[in-house]
Amino acid sequence: MVQAYILIQTEVGKARDVAAAIEKISGVVRVDAVTGPYDVVVLTEAHTVDELGGLIVSKVQYVPGITRTLTCSVVNL
């Protein structure tokens, strides 16, 4: 399995709605609302990097209220 954290910026007042919508997406492991420059942090996982990319581009980024995402792949050191 490959995993990635997605750091999400939302429109003002939309963090709760975005988090609730993302929780329903298959491949999402955890969703947390946070403080700081990002509003929501999501842990995702998939069988391959391509599947993970599809999850992010085809599902997560289409959630209404998201203004920007930053994806950080998990590496095993």
Protein backbone atom coordinates (compact mmCIF):
# COMPACT_ATOMS: atom_id res chain seq x y z
CA MET A 1 0.00 0.00 0.00
CA VAL A 2 1.07 3.57 -0.67
CA GLN A 3 -0.06 6.44 1.53
CA ALA A 4 -0.12 10.20 1.27
CA TYR A 5 -1.21 13.14 3.36
CA ILE A 6 -3.24 15.79 1.58
CA LEU A 7 -3.06 19.27 3.08
CA ILE A 8 -6.16 21.21 2.09
CA GLN A 9 -7.04 24.88 2.09
CA THR A 10 -10.75 25.66 1.95
CA GLU A 11 -12.98 28.63 1.36
CA VAL A 12 -13.70 30.56 4.54
CA GLY A 13 -16.20 28.67 6.70
CA LYS A 14 -16.12 25.50 4.56
CA ALA A 15 -13.65 23.31 6.49
CA ARG A 16 -16.39 21.30 8.24
CA ASP A 17 -18.29 20.64 5.00
CA VAL A 18 -15.11 19.67 3.14
CA ALA A 19 -14.02 17.30 5.93
CA ALA A 20 -17.45 15.65 6.04
CA ALA A 21 -17.50 15.12 2.28
CA ILE A 22 -13.97 13.72 2.15
CA GLU A 23 -14.67 11.22 4.95
CA LYS A 24 -17.07 9.44 2.57
CA ILE A 25 -14.46 8.85 -0.16
CA SER A 26 -13.08 5.32 -0.51
CA GLY A 27 -9.35 5.27 0.19
CA VAL A 28 -9.51 7.97 2.85
CA VAL A 29 -8.09 6.67 6.13
CA ARG A 30 -8.40 9.74 8.35
CA VAL A 31 -9.63 13.33 8.12
CA ASP A 32 -8.71 16.06 10.61
CA ALA A 33 -9.62 19.73 10.76
CA VAL A 34 -6.51 21.67 11.81
CA THR A 35 -5.33 25.20 12.51
CA GLY A 36 -2.62 27.04 10.61
CA PRO A 37 -2.15 27.61 6.89
CA TYR A 38 -4.20 24.51 6.04
CA ASP A 39 -7.74 23.76 7.16
CA VAL A 40 -8.06 20.00 6.67
CA VAL A 41 -5.45 17.22 6.64
CA VAL A 42 -6.34 13.88 5.05
CA LEU A 43 -4.49 10.55 5.18
CA THR A 44 -5.16 8.45 2.08
CA GLU A 45 -4.00 5.03 0.92
CA ALA A 46 -4.17 2.98 -2.25
CA HIS A 47 -2.58 -0.11 -3.79
CA THR A 48 -0.46 1.83 -6.31
CA VAL A 49 0.82 5.36 -6.85
CA ASP A 50 -1.37 5.64 -9.95
CA GLU A 51 -4.46 4.62 -7.97
CA LEU A 52 -3.56 7.15 -5.29
CA GLY A 53 -3.14 9.88 -7.90
CA GLY A 54 -6.54 9.02 -9.35
CA LEU A 55 -8.12 9.24 -5.92
CA ILE A 56 -6.67 12.68 -5.36
CA VAL A 57 -7.30 14.16 -8.80
CA SER A 58 -10.66 12.52 -9.58
CA LYS A 59 -12.31 12.56 -6.17
CA VAL A 60 -10.71 14.73 -3.48
CA GLN A 61 -10.01 17.78 -5.64
CA TYR A 62 -13.62 17.82 -6.87
CA VAL A 63 -15.06 18.35 -3.38
CA PRO A 64 -16.81 21.75 -3.29
CA GLY A 65 -15.14 24.34 -1.06
CA ILE A 66 -11.52 23.30 -1.67
CA THR A 67 -9.28 26.08 -2.94
CA ARG A 68 -5.86 24.35 -2.89
CA THR A 69 -4.28 20.99 -2.07
CA LEU A 70 -0.73 19.87 -1.35
CA THR A 71 0.00 16.13 -1.46
CA CYS A 72 2.82 14.66 0.65
CA SER A 73 3.72 11.04 -0.06
CA VAL A 74 4.59 8.83 2.90
CA VAL A 75 8.04 7.23 2.67
CA ASN A 76 9.32 4.37 4.78
CA LEU A 77 12.81 5.24 6.03
